[in-house]
């Protein structure tokens, strides 16, 4: 079972939230990380911030 690096997850989310843009690749990467049972609860909360922003229309999806 692969364990995601907390800093990797945090840096991806910080970049997405700071630019207010998410690429399809970023989206797939986060979905993959989130589907793994090896994420810590804090990583899951961090990733969930992106999905909350998406559902609120605060992020722009780019290709």
N, C-alpha and C. Protein backbone atom coordinates (compact mmCIF):
# COMPACT_ATOMS: atom_id res chain seq x y z
N UNK A 1 0.84 -1.18 0.00
CA UNK A 1 0.00 0.00 0.00
C UNK A 1 0.89 1.25 0.00
N UNK A 2 0.68 2.13 -0.94
CA UNK A 2 1.50 3.33 -1.08
C UNK A 2 0.99 4.42 -0.15
N UNK A 3 1.90 5.03 0.59
CA UNK A 3 1.52 6.11 1.50
C UNK A 3 1.89 7.43 0.85
N UNK A 4 0.89 8.31 0.74
CA UNK A 4 1.11 9.61 0.11
C UNK A 4 1.92 10.50 1.05
N UNK A 5 2.78 11.27 0.48
CA UNK A 5 3.55 12.23 1.25
C UNK A 5 2.64 13.38 1.65
N UNK A 6 2.55 13.68 2.94
CA UNK A 6 1.69 14.78 3.37
C UNK A 6 2.07 16.11 2.73
N UNK A 7 3.37 16.34 2.56
CA UNK A 7 3.81 17.60 1.95
C UNK A 7 3.42 17.66 0.48
N UNK A 8 3.45 16.52 -0.21
CA UNK A 8 3.05 16.48 -1.61
C UNK A 8 1.58 16.85 -1.74
N UNK A 9 0.74 16.25 -0.93
CA UNK A 9 -0.69 16.54 -0.96
C UNK A 9 -0.95 18.01 -0.63
N UNK A 10 -0.30 18.49 0.42
CA UNK A 10 -0.49 19.88 0.84
C UNK A 10 -0.02 20.86 -0.23
N UNK A 11 1.12 20.58 -0.87
CA UNK A 11 1.62 21.51 -1.88
C UNK A 11 0.72 21.54 -3.12
N UNK A 12 0.18 20.37 -3.50
CA UNK A 12 -0.75 20.33 -4.64
C UNK A 12 -1.98 21.17 -4.33
N UNK A 13 -2.54 20.97 -3.14
CA UNK A 13 -3.76 21.71 -2.76
C UNK A 13 -3.47 23.20 -2.63
N UNK A 14 -2.36 23.57 -2.03
CA UNK A 14 -2.02 24.99 -1.89
C UNK A 14 -1.89 25.66 -3.25
N UNK A 15 -1.27 24.96 -4.20
CA UNK A 15 -1.10 25.52 -5.54
C UNK A 15 -2.46 25.71 -6.21
N UNK A 16 -3.34 24.73 -6.08
CA UNK A 16 -4.67 24.80 -6.67
C UNK A 16 -5.47 25.96 -6.07
N UNK A 17 -5.45 26.06 -4.75
CA UNK A 17 -6.25 27.09 -4.09
C UNK A 17 -5.67 28.49 -4.32
N UNK A 18 -4.35 28.60 -4.42
CA UNK A 18 -3.76 29.92 -4.62
C UNK A 18 -3.99 30.44 -6.04
N UNK A 19 -4.00 29.53 -7.03
CA UNK A 19 -4.24 29.95 -8.41
C UNK A 19 -5.72 29.94 -8.78
N UNK A 20 -6.52 29.29 -7.91
CA UNK A 20 -7.96 29.13 -8.13
C UNK A 20 -8.25 28.40 -9.43
N UNK A 21 -7.33 27.49 -9.79
CA UNK A 21 -7.46 26.68 -11.00
C UNK A 21 -7.04 25.25 -10.68
N UNK A 22 -7.72 24.31 -11.31
CA UNK A 22 -7.35 22.90 -11.16
C UNK A 22 -7.37 22.26 -12.54
N UNK A 23 -6.29 21.58 -12.85
CA UNK A 23 -6.20 20.90 -14.14
C UNK A 23 -6.85 19.52 -14.01
N UNK A 24 -7.14 18.92 -15.14
CA UNK A 24 -7.69 17.56 -15.12
C UNK A 24 -6.68 16.61 -14.49
N UNK A 25 -5.40 16.85 -14.74
CA UNK A 25 -4.35 16.01 -14.17
C UNK A 25 -4.33 16.14 -12.65
N UNK A 26 -4.43 17.37 -12.15
CA UNK A 26 -4.50 17.58 -10.70
C UNK A 26 -5.71 16.88 -10.11
N UNK A 27 -6.83 16.99 -10.79
CA UNK A 27 -8.07 16.39 -10.34
C UNK A 27 -7.92 14.87 -10.24
N UNK A 28 -7.34 14.26 -11.26
CA UNK A 28 -7.14 12.81 -11.26
C UNK A 28 -6.16 12.39 -10.17
N UNK A 29 -5.11 13.18 -9.99
CA UNK A 29 -4.12 12.88 -8.95
C UNK A 29 -4.76 12.89 -7.56
N UNK A 30 -5.58 13.92 -7.30
CA UNK A 30 -6.24 14.02 -6.00
C UNK A 30 -7.27 12.91 -5.81
N UNK A 31 -7.99 12.57 -6.87
CA UNK A 31 -8.96 11.48 -6.78
C UNK A 31 -8.24 10.17 -6.46
N UNK A 32 -7.09 9.96 -7.08
CA UNK A 32 -6.31 8.76 -6.82
C UNK A 32 -5.83 8.74 -5.36
N UNK A 33 -5.28 9.85 -4.90
CA UNK A 33 -4.81 9.92 -3.52
C UNK A 33 -5.95 9.71 -2.54
N UNK A 34 -7.10 10.33 -2.82
CA UNK A 34 -8.24 10.26 -1.91
C UNK A 34 -8.79 8.84 -1.84
N UNK A 35 -8.70 8.10 -2.94
CA UNK A 35 -9.24 6.74 -2.97
C UNK A 35 -8.37 5.74 -2.21
N UNK A 36 -7.15 6.14 -1.90
CA UNK A 36 -6.26 5.25 -1.16
C UNK A 36 -6.61 5.31 0.32
N UNK A 37 -6.58 4.17 0.94
CA UNK A 37 -6.88 4.11 2.38
C UNK A 37 -5.69 4.50 3.23
N UNK A 38 -4.59 4.84 2.59
CA UNK A 38 -3.37 5.15 3.33
C UNK A 38 -3.23 6.63 3.70
N UNK A 39 -4.17 7.45 3.27
CA UNK A 39 -4.10 8.88 3.59
C UNK A 39 -4.44 9.13 5.06
N UNK A 40 -3.77 10.08 5.63
CA UNK A 40 -4.11 10.48 7.00
C UNK A 40 -5.40 11.29 6.96
N UNK A 41 -6.02 11.43 8.10
CA UNK A 41 -7.26 12.21 8.16
C UNK A 41 -7.00 13.67 7.80
N UNK A 42 -5.83 14.20 8.15
CA UNK A 42 -5.53 15.59 7.80
C UNK A 42 -5.35 15.76 6.29
N UNK A 43 -4.78 14.75 5.61
CA UNK A 43 -4.66 14.80 4.15
C UNK A 43 -6.04 14.76 3.50
N UNK A 44 -6.92 13.93 4.04
CA UNK A 44 -8.28 13.86 3.50
C UNK A 44 -9.01 15.19 3.66
N UNK A 45 -8.81 15.84 4.79
CA UNK A 45 -9.42 17.16 5.00
C UNK A 45 -8.83 18.17 4.03
N UNK A 46 -7.53 18.09 3.80
CA UNK A 46 -6.85 19.00 2.87
C UNK A 46 -7.40 18.84 1.46
N UNK A 47 -7.53 17.60 1.01
CA UNK A 47 -8.08 17.33 -0.33
C UNK A 47 -9.54 17.75 -0.40
N UNK A 48 -10.26 17.55 0.68
CA UNK A 48 -11.68 17.91 0.71
C UNK A 48 -11.88 19.41 0.52
N UNK A 49 -10.91 20.21 0.92
CA UNK A 49 -11.00 21.67 0.71
C UNK A 49 -11.11 22.00 -0.77
N UNK A 50 -10.41 21.24 -1.61
CA UNK A 50 -10.46 21.46 -3.06
C UNK A 50 -11.85 21.13 -3.58
N UNK A 51 -12.39 20.01 -3.16
CA UNK A 51 -13.71 19.61 -3.65
C UNK A 51 -14.81 20.55 -3.15
N UNK A 52 -14.65 21.10 -1.95
CA UNK A 52 -15.59 22.11 -1.46
C UNK A 52 -15.51 23.37 -2.33
N UNK A 53 -14.29 23.79 -2.64
CA UNK A 53 -14.11 24.97 -3.48
C UNK A 53 -14.68 24.74 -4.88
N UNK A 54 -14.50 23.54 -5.41
CA UNK A 54 -15.07 23.20 -6.72
C UNK A 54 -16.59 23.28 -6.68
N UNK A 55 -17.19 22.70 -5.66
CA UNK A 55 -18.65 22.68 -5.58
C UNK A 55 -19.23 24.07 -5.36
N UNK A 56 -18.45 24.98 -4.80
CA UNK A 56 -18.90 26.35 -4.57
C UNK A 56 -18.59 27.27 -5.76
N UNK A 57 -17.96 26.70 -6.79
CA UNK A 57 -17.64 27.48 -7.97
C UNK A 57 -16.45 28.42 -7.79
N UNK A 58 -15.61 28.14 -6.80
CA UNK A 58 -14.47 29.00 -6.54
C UNK A 58 -13.23 28.63 -7.35
N UNK A 59 -13.26 27.47 -8.00
CA UNK A 59 -12.12 27.04 -8.82
C UNK A 59 -12.55 26.92 -10.27
N UNK A 60 -11.61 27.17 -11.12
CA UNK A 60 -11.81 27.03 -12.54
C UNK A 60 -11.10 25.77 -13.02
N UNK A 61 -11.82 24.91 -13.72
CA UNK A 61 -11.22 23.68 -14.22
C UNK A 61 -10.61 23.97 -15.60
N UNK A 62 -9.33 23.65 -15.73
CA UNK A 62 -8.62 23.88 -16.99
C UNK A 62 -8.10 22.55 -17.51
N UNK A 63 -7.82 22.48 -18.80
CA UNK A 63 -7.27 21.25 -19.38
C UNK A 63 -5.78 21.27 -19.42
